[in-house]
Amino acid sequence: MNVVADTNSSVGAGVVILIILAVFILFVLLRAVRIVPQARRGIVERLGKYSRTLQPGLALVVPFIDKVQPYIDMREQVVTFPPQPVITADNVTVQIDTVIYFTVTDPQAVTYEIANPLQAIEQLTITTLRNVVGGLTLEGALTGRDTVNDALRAVLDQKTGQWGIRIATVEIKAIDPPASIQEAMEKQMRAERDKRATILTAEGSRESQILTAEGERQSRILRAEGERQSAILAAEGNRQSRILEAEGEAQAIANVFGAIHTANPDQQLLSYQYLQMLPKLADGASNKLFIIPTEFTEAAKGLANQFPGIPTGTGPAGGGSTPGGVDTTKPGDAPKA
């Protein structure tokens, strides 16, 4: 019985030892095998000293000798810092919020070159921001955010490069001046708007007056040009009318002259025509006295010699008569003595 009991005791102890050995081997295997996720890196220290960097995938380490530090994220990261008071060149204190995008490029450097990378980046951002914005006025800082961003990124990227960190982008999220400054800026902005509105109104009125004056000028020019053309055409028409009238009179005179020469009138006919024209010469409301020219007597004598029956005006009471019975006395004239 004692032998059986000893045998059972030895078998139970052997099983326990095997179980403990199996658990230990499993534990060692688990400690030796590492699975690194994508976009992560693992720093391996062997006996406290840097050994190697684990890449994504399956990796083996020596248990109890190699120590794997927490995985380092290689993706681009973003960090926001609380508002920081910054004094501008014109002695205005503003609160500035910054946002930084960075990427770890060297896991070994970021692990051993800097103890707290985020705190270091924050303090470096604050000091650099005060240096950059301190050289700008408030208006320059508000309108020159791109300039401030570029200056911050250049300084931070140069300094953090030795830490294994690359600064991708630095953004100024907000610039908050004091309430009094904001109120003054709003008043100035309203005044600028009113000024621009007044200037634009004046410019519009000026342009309108210029266009109106230009239109009136063009209208006067066109009207004067029209009157000029009208006067030229009227003068040309009058000239043509006078030319045609003169040509008509010349043609009429030529016709009369030709007819006279063709008919070859004698002295008696001419004397008769002359006597017929005398009443027309005396006709008129303004004629009060008619003087008989000497040619009339000669014409009357010629007709008397040709036609003996025509009276010559020598009969009784002939003081107011002319040869041929023509009375030259006007109504209202005093009788001749």
Protein backbone atom coordinates (compact mmCIF):
# COMPACT_ATOMS: atom_id res chain seq x y z
CA MET A 1 0.00 0.00 0.00
CA ASN A 2 2.83 2.33 0.77
CA VAL A 3 4.42 1.59 -2.57
CA VAL A 4 1.20 2.40 -4.43
CA ALA A 5 0.77 5.60 -2.49
CA ASP A 6 4.33 6.67 -3.22
CA THR A 7 3.81 5.88 -6.88
CA ASN A 8 0.63 7.95 -7.06
CA SER A 9 2.33 10.80 -5.27
CA SER A 10 5.25 10.79 -7.70
CA VAL A 11 2.90 10.65 -10.70
CA GLY A 12 0.85 13.60 -9.38
CA ALA A 13 4.00 15.61 -8.75
CA GLY A 14 5.26 14.85 -12.26
CA VAL A 15 1.96 15.99 -13.78
CA VAL A 16 2.07 19.22 -11.83
CA ILE A 17 5.61 19.82 -12.93
CA LEU A 18 4.67 19.17 -16.54
CA ILE A 19 1.77 21.53 -16.28
CA ILE A 20 3.95 24.21 -14.73
CA LEU A 21 6.57 23.63 -17.39
CA ALA A 22 4.00 23.89 -20.16
CA VAL A 23 2.60 27.09 -18.72
CA PHE A 24 6.08 28.50 -18.44
CA ILE A 25 6.90 27.55 -22.02
CA LEU A 26 3.65 29.11 -23.20
CA PHE A 27 4.39 32.24 -21.26
CA VAL A 28 7.88 32.42 -22.74
CA LEU A 29 6.50 31.98 -26.23
CA LEU A 30 3.97 34.73 -25.65
CA ARG A 31 6.75 36.97 -24.41
CA ALA A 32 8.91 36.13 -27.40
CA VAL A 33 6.28 36.77 -30.07
CA ARG A 34 5.18 40.34 -30.88
CA ILE A 35 2.62 41.44 -33.47
CA VAL A 36 3.14 45.10 -34.45
CA PRO A 37 0.05 46.82 -36.00
CA GLN A 38 0.20 48.80 -39.22
CA ALA A 39 1.49 52.40 -38.92
CA ARG A 40 3.11 51.53 -35.58
CA ARG A 41 6.71 51.03 -34.57
CA GLY A 42 8.16 49.19 -31.57
CA ILE A 43 11.42 50.08 -29.80
CA VAL A 44 13.31 47.02 -28.44
CA GLU A 45 15.72 47.49 -25.53
CA ARG A 46 18.09 44.63 -24.69
CA LEU A 47 19.28 44.81 -21.11
CA GLY A 48 18.25 48.48 -20.98
CA LYS A 49 19.98 49.50 -24.20
CA TYR A 50 18.42 50.26 -27.58
CA SER A 51 18.54 47.18 -29.77
CA ARG A 52 16.30 47.62 -32.78
CA THR A 53 12.98 48.97 -34.07
CA LEU A 54 10.17 46.53 -34.77
CA GLN A 55 8.34 47.00 -38.07
CA PRO A 56 4.64 46.18 -38.62
CA GLY A 57 3.90 42.45 -38.61
CA LEU A 58 5.19 39.44 -36.65
CA ALA A 59 8.41 39.87 -34.66
CA LEU A 60 10.38 37.73 -32.20
CA VAL A 61 12.22 38.99 -29.13
CA VAL A 62 14.23 37.32 -26.41
CA PRO A 63 12.06 36.96 -23.32
CA PHE A 64 13.28 38.49 -20.10
CA ILE A 65 16.18 40.07 -21.98
CA ASP A 66 14.49 42.22 -24.61
CA LYS A 67 11.96 44.83 -23.55
CA VAL A 68 9.51 46.34 -26.03
CA GLN A 69 8.54 49.95 -25.37
CA PRO A 70 4.96 51.13 -26.07
CA TYR A 71 4.22 51.31 -29.76
CA ILE A 72 4.76 54.65 -31.47
CA ASP A 73 2.05 55.94 -33.81
CA MET A 74 3.52 56.97 -37.18
CA ARG A 75 0.34 58.59 -38.50
CA GLU A 76 -0.16 62.36 -38.73
CA GLN A 77 -1.45 63.67 -35.45
CA VAL A 78 -3.12 66.88 -34.40
CA VAL A 79 -2.82 68.68 -31.09
CA THR A 80 -4.61 71.82 -29.90
CA PHE A 81 -3.04 74.13 -27.36
CA PRO A 82 -5.04 76.40 -25.02
CA PRO A 83 -5.19 80.16 -25.79
CA GLN A 84 -2.02 82.04 -25.04
CA PRO A 85 -1.72 85.78 -24.28
CA VAL A 86 0.49 87.54 -26.82
CA ILE A 87 1.38 91.25 -26.95
CA THR A 88 1.50 92.81 -30.41
CA ALA A 89 3.80 95.58 -31.59
CA ASP A 90 1.16 98.24 -30.79
CA ASN A 91 0.85 96.99 -27.16
CA VAL A 92 -2.43 95.10 -27.54
CA THR A 93 -2.78 91.81 -25.65
CA VAL A 94 -4.57 89.16 -27.69
CA GLN A 95 -5.46 85.55 -27.00
CA ILE A 96 -4.26 83.18 -29.74
CA ASP A 97 -5.30 79.56 -30.23
CA THR A 98 -3.03 77.32 -32.28
CA VAL A 99 -3.46 73.91 -33.89
CA ILE A 100 -0.45 71.84 -34.94
CA TYR A 101 -0.34 68.84 -37.28
CA PHE A 102 2.80 66.71 -36.90
CA THR A 103 4.17 63.32 -37.90
CA VAL A 104 6.78 61.10 -36.18
CA THR A 105 9.53 60.32 -38.70
CA ASP A 106 12.13 58.65 -36.41
CA PRO A 107 10.83 56.42 -33.58
CA GLN A 108 14.27 56.10 -31.99
CA ALA A 109 14.83 59.87 -31.87
CA VAL A 110 11.36 60.66 -30.55
CA THR A 111 11.92 58.04 -27.80
CA TYR A 112 15.41 59.00 -26.64
CA GLU A 113 15.96 62.63 -27.78
CA ILE A 114 13.00 64.22 -25.98
CA ALA A 115 11.22 63.20 -22.79
CA ASN A 116 7.82 64.81 -23.46
CA PRO A 117 7.43 65.73 -27.13
CA LEU A 118 3.97 67.35 -26.87
CA GLN A 119 4.95 69.59 -23.96
CA ALA A 120 8.14 70.57 -25.78
CA ILE A 121 6.19 71.41 -28.94
CA GLU A 122 3.68 73.46 -26.90
CA GLN A 123 6.33 75.55 -25.18
CA LEU A 124 8.25 76.03 -28.43
CA THR A 125 5.02 77.13 -30.14
CA ILE A 126 4.28 79.68 -27.41
CA THR A 127 7.74 81.26 -27.50
CA THR A 128 7.86 81.31 -31.31
CA LEU A 129 4.34 82.75 -31.51
CA ARG A 130 5.26 85.58 -29.14
CA ASN A 131 8.35 86.38 -31.19
CA VAL A 132 6.47 86.41 -34.50
CA VAL A 133 3.30 88.21 -33.41
CA GLY A 134 5.29 90.63 -31.22
CA GLY A 135 6.73 92.15 -34.37
CA LEU A 136 3.30 92.72 -35.94
CA THR A 137 0.55 95.20 -35.23
CA LEU A 138 -2.92 94.00 -34.34
CA GLU A 139 -4.18 94.63 -37.85
CA GLY A 140 -1.13 92.90 -39.30
CA ALA A 141 -1.69 89.87 -37.07
CA LEU A 142 -5.38 89.68 -38.00
CA THR A 143 -4.79 90.00 -41.72
CA GLY A 144 -1.47 88.14 -41.91
CA ARG A 145 -2.35 84.74 -40.51
CA ASP A 146 -0.71 82.95 -43.41
CA THR A 147 2.55 84.76 -42.70
CA VAL A 148 2.37 83.82 -39.00
CA ASN A 149 1.55 80.20 -39.87
CA ASP A 150 4.49 79.90 -42.25
CA ALA A 151 6.90 81.48 -39.76
CA LEU A 152 5.75 79.17 -36.98
CA ARG A 153 5.98 76.07 -39.12
CA ALA A 154 9.49 76.93 -40.32
CA VAL A 155 10.82 77.47 -36.78
CA LEU A 156 9.05 74.45 -35.27
CA ASP A 157 10.02 72.12 -38.10
CA GLN A 158 13.67 73.12 -37.81
CA LYS A 159 13.74 72.53 -34.05
CA THR A 160 11.64 69.34 -33.92
CA GLY A 161 13.58 67.71 -36.77
CA GLN A 162 16.24 66.52 -34.32
CA TRP A 163 13.49 64.98 -32.19
CA GLY A 164 12.29 62.81 -35.06
CA ILE A 165 9.12 64.89 -35.57
CA ARG A 166 8.07 66.71 -38.71
CA ILE A 167 5.67 69.67 -38.36
CA ALA A 168 3.24 69.43 -41.27
CA THR A 169 1.00 72.46 -40.65
CA VAL A 170 0.55 75.18 -38.06
CA GLU A 171 -2.80 76.97 -38.00
CA ILE A 172 -3.91 80.02 -36.03
CA LYS A 173 -7.39 78.98 -34.95
CA ALA A 174 -8.45 82.23 -33.32
CA ILE A 175 -7.11 85.66 -32.45
CA ASP A 176 -9.25 87.33 -29.78
CA PRO A 177 -8.44 90.96 -28.92
CA PRO A 178 -9.92 92.61 -25.80
CA ALA A 179 -13.58 93.65 -25.82
CA SER A 180 -12.72 97.36 -25.94
CA ILE A 181 -10.47 96.83 -28.92
CA GLN A 182 -13.17 94.80 -30.66
CA GLU A 183 -15.69 97.60 -30.09
CA ALA A 184 -13.25 100.19 -31.45
CA MET A 185 -12.54 97.97 -34.46
CA GLU A 186 -16.26 97.60 -35.14
CA LYS A 187 -16.69 101.39 -35.01
CA GLN A 188 -13.74 101.82 -37.34
CA MET A 189 -15.16 99.20 -39.67
CA ARG A 190 -18.55 100.96 -39.72
CA ALA A 191 -16.82 104.27 -40.39
CA GLU A 192 -14.87 102.68 -43.24
CA ARG A 193 -18.08 101.26 -44.70
CA ASP A 194 -19.80 104.65 -44.47
CA LYS A 195 -16.77 106.29 -46.05
CA ARG A 196 -16.72 103.79 -48.92
CA ALA A 197 -20.47 104.22 -49.39
CA THR A 198 -20.08 108.01 -49.53
CA ILE A 199 -17.18 107.72 -51.95
CA LEU A 200 -19.11 105.33 -54.17
CA THR A 201 -22.15 107.62 -54.11
CA ALA A 202 -20.00 110.62 -55.03
CA GLU A 203 -18.28 108.62 -57.76
CA GLY A 204 -21.65 107.54 -59.13
CA SER A 205 -22.95 111.13 -59.09
CA ARG A 206 -19.75 112.32 -60.76
CA GLU A 207 -19.96 109.67 -63.46
CA SER A 208 -23.64 110.48 -63.97
CA GLN A 209 -22.90 114.20 -64.37
CA ILE A 210 -20.01 113.43 -66.73
CA LEU A 211 -22.19 111.18 -68.84
CA THR A 212 -25.01 113.73 -68.83
CA ALA A 213 -22.64 116.54 -69.86
CA GLU A 214 -21.11 114.31 -72.52
CA GLY A 215 -24.57 113.47 -73.82
CA GLU A 216 -25.55 117.14 -73.92
CA ARG A 217 -22.28 117.96 -75.67
CA GLN A 218 -22.84 115.27 -78.27
CA SER A 219 -26.43 116.44 -78.67
CA ARG A 220 -25.32 120.06 -79.25
CA ILE A 221 -22.65 118.90 -81.69
CA LEU A 222 -25.15 116.80 -83.62
CA ARG A 223 -27.72 119.61 -83.55
CA ALA A 224 -25.14 122.12 -84.78
CA GLU A 225 -24.01 119.68 -87.44
CA GLY A 226 -27.62 119.21 -88.51
CA GLU A 227 -28.21 122.96 -88.64
CA ARG A 228 -25.00 123.37 -90.60
CA GLN A 229 -26.01 120.71 -93.09
CA SER A 230 -29.49 122.25 -93.30
CA ALA A 231 -28.03 125.73 -93.93
CA ILE A 232 -25.67 124.30 -96.55
CA LEU A 233 -28.51 122.49 -98.27
CA ALA A 234 -30.75 125.62 -98.07
CA ALA A 235 -27.97 127.80 -99.48
CA GLU A 236 -27.31 125.24 -102.18
CA GLY A 237 -31.05 125.15 -103.00
CA ASN A 238 -31.23 128.95 -103.06
CA ARG A 239 -28.18 129.06 -105.28
CA GLN A 240 -29.64 126.50 -107.66
CA SER A 241 -32.96 128.39 -107.64
CA ARG A 242 -31.23 131.67 -108.47
CA ILE A 243 -29.19 129.99 -111.18
CA LEU A 244 -32.30 128.47 -112.71
CA GLU A 245 -34.19 131.77 -112.37
CA ALA A 246 -31.32 133.69 -114.00
CA GLU A 247 -31.09 131.09 -116.71
CA GLY A 248 -34.87 131.42 -117.25
CA GLU A 249 -34.67 135.21 -117.43
CA ALA A 250 -31.73 134.99 -119.78
CA GLN A 251 -33.60 132.55 -121.94
CA ALA A 252 -36.70 134.78 -121.88
CA ILE A 253 -34.64 137.84 -122.82
CA ALA A 254 -32.96 135.87 -125.54
CA ASN A 255 -36.34 134.72 -126.84
CA VAL A 256 -37.77 138.26 -126.74
CA PHE A 257 -34.65 139.66 -128.35
CA GLY A 258 -34.81 137.01 -131.03
CA ALA A 259 -38.52 137.60 -131.60
CA ILE A 260 -38.03 141.33 -131.90
CA HIS A 261 -35.22 140.96 -134.39
CA THR A 262 -37.17 138.36 -136.30
CA ALA A 263 -40.34 140.53 -136.45
CA ASN A 264 -38.36 143.69 -137.35
CA PRO A 265 -40.87 146.17 -135.77
CA ASP A 266 -41.11 149.76 -137.12
CA GLN A 267 -41.07 153.01 -135.16
CA GLN A 268 -44.82 153.28 -134.97
CA LEU A 269 -45.21 149.91 -133.20
CA LEU A 270 -42.54 150.78 -130.69
CA SER A 271 -44.24 154.17 -130.01
CA TYR A 272 -47.57 152.40 -129.51
CA GLN A 273 -46.06 149.93 -127.02
CA TYR A 274 -44.40 152.81 -125.23
CA LEU A 275 -47.75 154.61 -124.84
CA GLN A 276 -49.37 151.45 -123.44
CA MET A 277 -46.74 151.19 -120.72
CA LEU A 278 -47.38 154.72 -119.39
CA PRO A 279 -50.55 153.89 -117.39
CA LYS A 280 -48.67 151.06 -115.69
CA LEU A 281 -45.91 153.46 -114.73
CA ALA A 282 -48.49 155.80 -113.20
CA ASP A 283 -50.32 152.99 -111.35
CA GLY A 284 -49.59 152.94 -107.61
CA ALA A 285 -51.09 154.25 -104.36
CA SER A 286 -48.02 156.34 -103.59
CA ASN A 287 -47.94 158.16 -106.95
CA LYS A 288 -49.27 161.73 -106.50
CA LEU A 289 -47.64 163.41 -109.48
CA PHE A 290 -46.81 161.97 -112.88
CA ILE A 291 -44.21 163.70 -115.03
CA ILE A 292 -44.46 163.00 -118.72
CA PRO A 293 -41.05 162.39 -120.26
CA THR A 294 -40.06 164.16 -123.47
CA GLU A 295 -40.00 160.84 -125.32
CA PHE A 296 -43.78 160.69 -124.89
CA THR A 297 -44.28 163.79 -127.04
CA GLU A 298 -42.10 162.37 -129.74
CA ALA A 299 -44.02 159.10 -129.67
CA ALA A 300 -47.37 160.92 -129.81
CA LYS A 301 -46.25 163.00 -132.75
CA GLY A 302 -45.13 159.87 -134.56
CA LEU A 303 -48.52 158.25 -134.03
CA ALA A 304 -50.32 161.46 -135.07
CA ASN A 305 -48.41 161.61 -138.31
CA GLN A 306 -49.14 157.92 -138.97
CA PHE A 307 -52.81 158.07 -137.91
CA PRO A 308 -54.25 161.59 -138.48
CA GLY A 309 -57.44 160.80 -136.57
CA ILE A 310 -55.73 160.30 -133.16
CA PRO A 311 -56.10 163.45 -130.93
CA THR A 312 -52.86 165.09 -129.82
CA GLY A 313 -54.11 166.65 -126.58
CA THR A 314 -54.25 170.25 -127.95
CA GLY A 315 -58.00 170.62 -127.76
CA PRO A 316 -59.91 172.73 -125.26
CA ALA A 317 -59.59 171.95 -121.55
CA GLY A 318 -56.74 169.65 -122.27
CA GLY A 319 -54.60 170.82 -119.43
CA GLY A 320 -55.19 167.56 -117.59
CA SER A 321 -54.99 165.28 -120.59
CA THR A 322 -52.23 163.70 -122.60
CA PRO A 323 -52.15 162.56 -126.18
CA GLY A 324 -54.24 159.48 -126.58
CA GLY A 325 -56.66 160.56 -123.82
CA VAL A 326 -54.38 159.58 -120.87
CA ASP A 327 -55.23 161.55 -117.72
CA THR A 328 -52.25 162.20 -115.51
CA THR A 329 -54.10 164.08 -112.79
CA LYS A 330 -54.45 162.13 -109.53
CA PRO A 331 -57.51 162.39 -107.29
CA GLY A 332 -57.11 165.14 -104.74
CA ASP A 333 -54.73 167.21 -106.92
CA ALA A 334 -55.48 170.93 -107.34
CA PRO A 335 -56.67 171.95 -110.83
CA LYS A 336 -54.06 173.44 -113.08
CA ALA A 337 -54.29 177.22 -113.87
